[in-house]
């Protein structure tokens, strides 16, 4: 829980918790979760991962060519 005084806004972003789960909506993406948490967080691998799976998705609501399309059908 986040206390109200720490919240400025609440924004709905489909699949916003990915690769973690949101109970009742979608499950943990174990493959993507492992890829993310097993990399060198301080090195180039984090930048590469972010460019491929976050910044490289042109539309966060319908990521084309990204893991969500593969795992969840878009």
PDB file of N, CA and C in Angstrom:
ATOM      1  N   UNK A   1       0.834  -1.178   0.000  1.00  0.00           N
ATOM      2  CA  UNK A   1       0.000   0.000   0.000  1.00  0.00           C
ATOM      3  C   UNK A   1       0.881   1.245   0.000  1.00  0.00           C
ATOM      4  N   UNK A   2       0.438   2.222  -0.744  1.00  0.00           N
ATOM      5  CA  UNK A   2       1.133   3.503  -0.803  1.00  0.00           C
ATOM      6  C   UNK A   2       0.244   4.524  -0.094  1.00  0.00           C
ATOM      7  N   UNK A   3       0.782   5.250   0.880  1.00  0.00           N
ATOM      8  CA  UNK A   3      -0.039   6.244   1.568  1.00  0.00           C
ATOM      9  C   UNK A   3      -0.443   7.381   0.624  1.00  0.00           C
ATOM     10  N   UNK A   4      -1.633   7.908   0.808  1.00  0.00           N
ATOM     11  CA  UNK A   4      -2.190   8.936  -0.075  1.00  0.00           C
ATOM     12  C   UNK A   4      -1.285  10.155  -0.206  1.00  0.00           C
ATOM     13  N   UNK A   5      -0.600  10.541   0.845  1.00  0.00           N
ATOM     14  CA  UNK A   5       0.238  11.739   0.776  1.00  0.00           C
ATOM     15  C   UNK A   5       1.454  11.549  -0.134  1.00  0.00           C
ATOM     16  N   UNK A   6       1.751  10.307  -0.532  1.00  0.00           N
ATOM     17  CA  UNK A   6       2.883  10.031  -1.424  1.00  0.00           C
ATOM     18  C   UNK A   6       2.452   9.910  -2.888  1.00  0.00           C
ATOM     19  N   UNK A   7       1.152  10.037  -3.175  1.00  0.00           N
ATOM     20  CA  UNK A   7       0.625   9.841  -4.527  1.00  0.00           C
ATOM     21  C   UNK A   7       0.226  11.175  -5.138  1.00  0.00           C
ATOM     22  N   UNK A   8       0.759  11.460  -6.324  1.00  0.00           N
ATOM     23  CA  UNK A   8       0.381  12.662  -7.065  1.00  0.00           C
ATOM     24  C   UNK A   8      -0.668  12.357  -8.122  1.00  0.00           C
ATOM     25  N   UNK A   9      -0.616  11.161  -8.700  1.00  0.00           N
ATOM     26  CA  UNK A   9      -1.555  10.790  -9.758  1.00  0.00           C
ATOM     27  C   UNK A   9      -1.632   9.271  -9.853  1.00  0.00           C
ATOM     28  N   UNK A  10      -2.735   8.800 -10.381  1.00  0.00           N
ATOM     29  CA  UNK A  10      -2.912   7.386 -10.676  1.00  0.00           C
ATOM     30  C   UNK A  10      -3.240   7.296 -12.160  1.00  0.00           C
ATOM     31  N   UNK A  11      -2.453   6.524 -12.889  1.00  0.00           N
ATOM     32  CA  UNK A  11      -2.610   6.424 -14.333  1.00  0.00           C
ATOM     33  C   UNK A  11      -2.786   4.962 -14.718  1.00  0.00           C
ATOM     34  N   UNK A  12      -3.786   4.675 -15.535  1.00  0.00           N
ATOM     35  CA  UNK A  12      -3.997   3.316 -16.013  1.00  0.00           C
ATOM     36  C   UNK A  12      -3.115   3.069 -17.233  1.00  0.00           C
ATOM     37  N   UNK A  13      -2.276   2.054 -17.135  1.00  0.00           N
ATOM     38  CA  UNK A  13      -1.403   1.662 -18.243  1.00  0.00           C
ATOM     39  C   UNK A  13      -1.559   0.158 -18.430  1.00  0.00           C
ATOM     40  N   UNK A  14      -2.190  -0.276 -19.532  1.00  0.00           N
ATOM     41  CA  UNK A  14      -2.329  -1.712 -19.747  1.00  0.00           C
ATOM     42  C   UNK A  14      -0.975  -2.417 -19.689  1.00  0.00           C
ATOM     43  N   UNK A  15      -0.912  -3.505 -18.968  1.00  0.00           N
ATOM     44  CA  UNK A  15       0.294  -4.296 -18.782  1.00  0.00           C
ATOM     45  C   UNK A  15       1.389  -3.507 -18.077  1.00  0.00           C
ATOM     46  N   UNK A  16       1.036  -2.501 -17.314  1.00  0.00           N
ATOM     47  CA  UNK A  16       2.010  -1.636 -16.661  1.00  0.00           C
ATOM     48  C   UNK A  16       2.881  -2.320 -15.623  1.00  0.00           C
ATOM     49  N   UNK A  17       2.448  -3.436 -15.088  1.00  0.00           N
ATOM     50  CA  UNK A  17       3.244  -4.148 -14.088  1.00  0.00           C
ATOM     51  C   UNK A  17       4.132  -5.228 -14.705  1.00  0.00           C
ATOM     52  N   UNK A  18       3.990  -5.438 -16.001  1.00  0.00           N
ATOM     53  CA  UNK A  18       4.753  -6.489 -16.677  1.00  0.00           C
ATOM     54  C   UNK A  18       6.249  -6.274 -16.505  1.00  0.00           C
ATOM     55  N   UNK A  19       7.033  -7.257 -16.144  1.00  0.00           N
ATOM     56  CA  UNK A  19       6.787  -8.697 -16.205  1.00  0.00           C
ATOM     57  C   UNK A  19       6.196  -9.291 -14.933  1.00  0.00           C
ATOM     58  N   UNK A  20       5.911  -8.468 -13.916  1.00  0.00           N
ATOM     59  CA  UNK A  20       5.270  -9.011 -12.724  1.00  0.00           C
ATOM     60  C   UNK A  20       3.780  -9.178 -12.992  1.00  0.00           C
ATOM     61  N   UNK A  21       3.055  -9.717 -12.031  1.00  0.00           N
ATOM     62  CA  UNK A  21       1.645 -10.026 -12.238  1.00  0.00           C
ATOM     63  C   UNK A  21       0.731  -8.983 -11.607  1.00  0.00           C
ATOM     64  N   UNK A  22      -0.509  -8.977 -12.063  1.00  0.00           N
ATOM     65  CA  UNK A  22      -1.577  -8.227 -11.418  1.00  0.00           C
ATOM     66  C   UNK A  22      -2.686  -9.245 -11.175  1.00  0.00           C
ATOM     67  N   UNK A  23      -2.924  -9.552  -9.919  1.00  0.00           N
ATOM     68  CA  UNK A  23      -3.863 -10.595  -9.535  1.00  0.00           C
ATOM     69  C   UNK A  23      -5.223 -10.368 -10.189  1.00  0.00           C
ATOM     70  N   UNK A  24      -5.707 -11.379 -10.875  1.00  0.00           N
ATOM     71  CA  UNK A  24      -7.003 -11.308 -11.519  1.00  0.00           C
ATOM     72  C   UNK A  24      -6.969 -10.761 -12.933  1.00  0.00           C
ATOM     73  N   UNK A  25      -5.807 -10.284 -13.396  1.00  0.00           N
ATOM     74  CA  UNK A  25      -5.708  -9.719 -14.743  1.00  0.00           C
ATOM     75  C   UNK A  25      -4.704 -10.466 -15.613  1.00  0.00           C
ATOM     76  N   UNK A  26      -3.496 -10.647 -15.128  1.00  0.00           N
ATOM     77  CA  UNK A  26      -2.503 -11.419 -15.859  1.00  0.00           C
ATOM     78  C   UNK A  26      -1.461 -11.967 -14.903  1.00  0.00           C
ATOM     79  N   UNK A  27      -0.827 -13.058 -15.336  1.00  0.00           N
ATOM     80  CA  UNK A  27       0.138 -13.776 -14.501  1.00  0.00           C
ATOM     81  C   UNK A  27       1.556 -13.263 -14.703  1.00  0.00           C
ATOM     82  N   UNK A  28       2.425 -13.705 -13.829  1.00  0.00           N
ATOM     83  CA  UNK A  28       3.844 -13.405 -13.920  1.00  0.00           C
ATOM     84  C   UNK A  28       4.412 -13.979 -15.212  1.00  0.00           C
ATOM     85  N   UNK A  29       5.154 -13.180 -15.943  1.00  0.00           N
ATOM     86  CA  UNK A  29       5.866 -13.637 -17.139  1.00  0.00           C
ATOM     87  C   UNK A  29       7.234 -14.117 -16.658  1.00  0.00           C
ATOM     88  N   UNK A  30       7.311 -15.402 -16.335  1.00  0.00           N
ATOM     89  CA  UNK A  30       8.522 -15.950 -15.712  1.00  0.00           C
ATOM     90  C   UNK A  30       9.769 -15.797 -16.580  1.00  0.00           C
ATOM     91  N   UNK A  31       9.630 -15.967 -17.871  1.00  0.00           N
ATOM     92  CA  UNK A  31      10.780 -15.846 -18.770  1.00  0.00           C
ATOM     93  C   UNK A  31      11.322 -14.425 -18.766  1.00  0.00           C
ATOM     94  N   UNK A  32      10.451 -13.451 -18.942  1.00  0.00           N
ATOM     95  CA  UNK A  32      10.877 -12.055 -18.974  1.00  0.00           C
ATOM     96  C   UNK A  32      11.384 -11.616 -17.597  1.00  0.00           C
ATOM     97  N   UNK A  33      10.739 -12.080 -16.554  1.00  0.00           N
ATOM     98  CA  UNK A  33      11.153 -11.761 -15.187  1.00  0.00           C
ATOM     99  C   UNK A  33      12.583 -12.240 -14.944  1.00  0.00           C
ATOM    100  N   UNK A  34      12.865 -13.469 -15.361  1.00  0.00           N
ATOM    101  CA  UNK A  34      14.212 -14.019 -15.193  1.00  0.00           C
ATOM    102  C   UNK A  34      15.227 -13.254 -16.026  1.00  0.00           C
ATOM    103  N   UNK A  35      14.873 -12.916 -17.270  1.00  0.00           N
ATOM    104  CA  UNK A  35      15.783 -12.147 -18.125  1.00  0.00           C
ATOM    105  C   UNK A  35      16.151 -10.824 -17.471  1.00  0.00           C
ATOM    106  N   UNK A  36      15.160 -10.159 -16.904  1.00  0.00           N
ATOM    107  CA  UNK A  36      15.385  -8.849 -16.304  1.00  0.00           C
ATOM    108  C   UNK A  36      16.238  -8.936 -15.043  1.00  0.00           C
ATOM    109  N   UNK A  37      15.900  -9.845 -14.145  1.00  0.00           N
ATOM    110  CA  UNK A  37      16.568  -9.877 -12.848  1.00  0.00           C
ATOM    111  C   UNK A  37      17.897 -10.632 -12.827  1.00  0.00           C
ATOM    112  N   UNK A  38      18.241 -11.316 -13.902  1.00  0.00           N
ATOM    113  CA  UNK A  38      19.519 -12.012 -13.944  1.00  0.00           C
ATOM    114  C   UNK A  38      20.606 -11.237 -14.687  1.00  0.00           C
ATOM    115  N   UNK A  39      20.270 -10.076 -15.208  1.00  0.00           N
ATOM    116  CA  UNK A  39      21.266  -9.303 -15.955  1.00  0.00           C
ATOM    117  C   UNK A  39      22.105  -8.423 -15.038  1.00  0.00           C
ATOM    118  N   UNK A  40      23.163  -7.912 -15.578  1.00  0.00           N
ATOM    119  CA  UNK A  40      24.029  -6.975 -14.865  1.00  0.00           C
ATOM    120  C   UNK A  40      23.332  -5.614 -14.860  1.00  0.00           C
ATOM    121  N   UNK A  41      22.765  -5.230 -13.719  1.00  0.00           N
ATOM    122  CA  UNK A  41      21.957  -4.014 -13.638  1.00  0.00           C
ATOM    123  C   UNK A  41      22.762  -2.733 -13.837  1.00  0.00           C
ATOM    124  N   UNK A  42      24.043  -2.776 -13.618  1.00  0.00           N
ATOM    125  CA  UNK A  42      24.850  -1.565 -13.736  1.00  0.00           C
ATOM    126  C   UNK A  42      25.488  -1.421 -15.114  1.00  0.00           C
ATOM    127  N   UNK A  43      25.488  -2.472 -15.887  1.00  0.00           N
ATOM    128  CA  UNK A  43      26.210  -2.450 -17.148  1.00  0.00           C
ATOM    129  C   UNK A  43      25.337  -2.181 -18.358  1.00  0.00           C
ATOM    130  N   UNK A  44      25.907  -2.478 -19.504  1.00  0.00           N
ATOM    131  CA  UNK A  44      25.230  -2.253 -20.772  1.00  0.00           C
ATOM    132  C   UNK A  44      24.021  -3.161 -20.961  1.00  0.00           C
ATOM    133  N   UNK A  45      23.991  -4.298 -20.279  1.00  0.00           N
ATOM    134  CA  UNK A  45      22.880  -5.223 -20.489  1.00  0.00           C
ATOM    135  C   UNK A  45      21.543  -4.612 -20.084  1.00  0.00           C
ATOM    136  N   UNK A  46      21.519  -3.776 -19.044  1.00  0.00           N
ATOM    137  CA  UNK A  46      20.273  -3.110 -18.662  1.00  0.00           C
ATOM    138  C   UNK A  46      19.829  -2.151 -19.757  1.00  0.00           C
ATOM    139  N   UNK A  47      20.746  -1.373 -20.292  1.00  0.00           N
ATOM    140  CA  UNK A  47      20.409  -0.437 -21.374  1.00  0.00           C
ATOM    141  C   UNK A  47      19.896  -1.184 -22.598  1.00  0.00           C
ATOM    142  N   UNK A  48      20.556  -2.271 -22.927  1.00  0.00           N
ATOM    143  CA  UNK A  48      20.140  -3.074 -24.076  1.00  0.00           C
ATOM    144  C   UNK A  48      18.743  -3.637 -23.863  1.00  0.00           C
ATOM    145  N   UNK A  49      18.481  -4.181 -22.670  1.00  0.00           N
ATOM    146  CA  UNK A  49      17.168  -4.750 -22.359  1.00  0.00           C
ATOM    147  C   UNK A  49      16.078  -3.675 -22.408  1.00  0.00           C
ATOM    148  N   UNK A  50      16.347  -2.527 -21.819  1.00  0.00           N
ATOM    149  CA  UNK A  50      15.362  -1.433 -21.813  1.00  0.00           C
ATOM    150  C   UNK A  50      15.072  -0.952 -23.233  1.00  0.00           C
ATOM    151  N   UNK A  51      16.099  -0.838 -24.063  1.00  0.00           N
ATOM    152  CA  UNK A  51      15.895  -0.407 -25.448  1.00  0.00           C
ATOM    153  C   UNK A  51      15.064  -1.409 -26.233  1.00  0.00           C
ATOM    154  N   UNK A  52      15.289  -2.690 -25.988  1.00  0.00           N
ATOM    155  CA  UNK A  52      14.561  -3.718 -26.726  1.00  0.00           C
ATOM    156  C   UNK A  52      13.132  -3.906 -26.242  1.00  0.00           C
ATOM    157  N   UNK A  53      12.919  -3.960 -24.923  1.00  0.00           N
ATOM    158  CA  UNK A  53      11.619  -4.352 -24.383  1.00  0.00           C
ATOM    159  C   UNK A  53      10.770  -3.207 -23.851  1.00  0.00           C
ATOM    160  N   UNK A  54      11.350  -2.027 -23.643  1.00  0.00           N
ATOM    161  CA  UNK A  54      10.570  -0.895 -23.128  1.00  0.00           C
ATOM    162  C   UNK A  54      10.512   0.218 -24.166  1.00  0.00           C
ATOM    163  N   UNK A  55      11.651   0.818 -24.462  1.00  0.00           N
ATOM    164  CA  UNK A  55      11.682   1.947 -25.387  1.00  0.00           C
ATOM    165  C   UNK A  55      11.441   1.520 -26.825  1.00  0.00           C
ATOM    166  N   UNK A  56      11.747   0.276 -27.151  1.00  0.00           N
ATOM    167  CA  UNK A  56      11.584  -0.227 -28.508  1.00  0.00           C
ATOM    168  C   UNK A  56      10.158  -0.596 -28.867  1.00  0.00           C
ATOM    169  N   UNK A  57       9.248  -0.567 -27.912  1.00  0.00           N
ATOM    170  CA  UNK A  57       7.834  -0.842 -28.181  1.00  0.00           C
ATOM    171  C   UNK A  57       7.166   0.474 -28.558  1.00  0.00           C
ATOM    172  N   UNK A  58       6.772   0.640 -29.819  1.00  0.00           N
ATOM    173  CA  UNK A  58       6.227   1.920 -30.261  1.00  0.00           C
ATOM    174  C   UNK A  58       4.900   2.292 -29.605  1.00  0.00           C
ATOM    175  N   UNK A  59       4.151   1.308 -29.143  1.00  0.00           N
ATOM    176  CA  UNK A  59       2.842   1.572 -28.561  1.00  0.00           C
ATOM    177  C   UNK A  59       2.690   0.682 -27.337  1.00  0.00           C
ATOM    178  N   UNK A  60       2.737   1.252 -26.149  1.00  0.00           N
ATOM    179  CA  UNK A  60       2.677   0.458 -24.918  1.00  0.00           C
ATOM    180  C   UNK A  60       1.355  -0.291 -24.772  1.00  0.00           C
ATOM    181  N   UNK A  61       0.287   0.184 -25.432  1.00  0.00           N
ATOM    182  CA  UNK A  61      -0.992  -0.500 -25.292  1.00  0.00           C
ATOM    183  C   UNK A  61      -1.123  -1.668 -26.263  1.00  0.00           C
ATOM    184  N   UNK A  62      -0.361  -1.664 -27.323  1.00  0.00           N
ATOM    185  CA  UNK A  62      -0.360  -2.767 -28.283  1.00  0.00           C
ATOM    186  C   UNK A  62       1.061  -2.966 -28.781  1.00  0.00           C
ATOM    187  N   UNK A  63       1.945  -3.436 -27.905  1.00  0.00           N
ATOM    188  CA  UNK A  63       3.348  -3.551 -28.292  1.00  0.00           C
ATOM    189  C   UNK A  63       3.553  -4.531 -29.436  1.00  0.00           C
ATOM    190  N   UNK A  64       4.063  -4.044 -30.540  1.00  0.00           N
ATOM    191  CA  UNK A  64       4.281  -4.874 -31.718  1.00  0.00           C
ATOM    192  C   UNK A  64       5.708  -5.381 -31.712  1.00  0.00           C
ATOM    193  N   UNK A  65       5.844  -6.690 -31.754  1.00  0.00           N
ATOM    194  CA  UNK A  65       7.163  -7.286 -31.755  1.00  0.00           C
ATOM    195  C   UNK A  65       7.782  -7.364 -30.372  1.00  0.00           C
ATOM    196  N   UNK A  66       7.017  -7.084 -29.353  1.00  0.00           N
ATOM    197  CA  UNK A  66       7.523  -7.132 -27.990  1.00  0.00           C
ATOM    198  C   UNK A  66       6.962  -8.360 -27.284  1.00  0.00           C
ATOM    199  N   UNK A  67       7.457  -8.623 -26.105  1.00  0.00           N
ATOM    200  CA  UNK A  67       7.112  -9.854 -25.401  1.00  0.00           C
ATOM    201  C   UNK A  67       5.619  -9.993 -25.142  1.00  0.00           C
ATOM    202  N   UNK A  68       4.911  -8.901 -24.920  1.00  0.00           N
ATOM    203  CA  UNK A  68       3.489  -9.008 -24.593  1.00  0.00           C
ATOM    204  C   UNK A  68       2.702  -9.573 -25.758  1.00  0.00           C
ATOM    205  N   UNK A  69       3.079  -9.206 -26.969  1.00  0.00           N
ATOM    206  CA  UNK A  69       2.387  -9.740 -28.132  1.00  0.00           C
ATOM    207  C   UNK A  69       2.598 -11.249 -28.223  1.00  0.00           C
ATOM    208  N   UNK A  70       3.810 -11.678 -27.970  1.00  0.00           N
ATOM    209  CA  UNK A  70       4.130 -13.099 -28.022  1.00  0.00           C
ATOM    210  C   UNK A  70       3.404 -13.863 -26.923  1.00  0.00           C
ATOM    211  N   UNK A  71       3.468 -13.355 -25.694  1.00  0.00           N
ATOM    212  CA  UNK A  71       2.915 -14.063 -24.544  1.00  0.00           C
ATOM    213  C   UNK A  71       1.398 -13.951 -24.451  1.00  0.00           C
ATOM    214  N   UNK A  72       0.851 -12.801 -24.843  1.00  0.00           N
ATOM    215  CA  UNK A  72      -0.549 -12.529 -24.527  1.00  0.00           C
ATOM    216  C   UNK A  72      -1.402 -12.210 -25.750  1.00  0.00           C
ATOM    217  N   UNK A  73      -0.839 -12.268 -26.913  1.00  0.00           N
ATOM    218  CA  UNK A  73      -1.615 -11.998 -28.114  1.00  0.00           C
ATOM    219  C   UNK A  73      -1.821 -10.529 -28.380  1.00  0.00           C
ATOM    220  N   UNK A  74      -0.990  -9.671 -27.816  1.00  0.00           N
ATOM    221  CA  UNK A  74      -1.077  -8.243 -28.109  1.00  0.00           C
ATOM    222  C   UNK A  74      -1.848  -7.571 -27.080  1.00  0.00           C
TER     223      UNK A  74
END
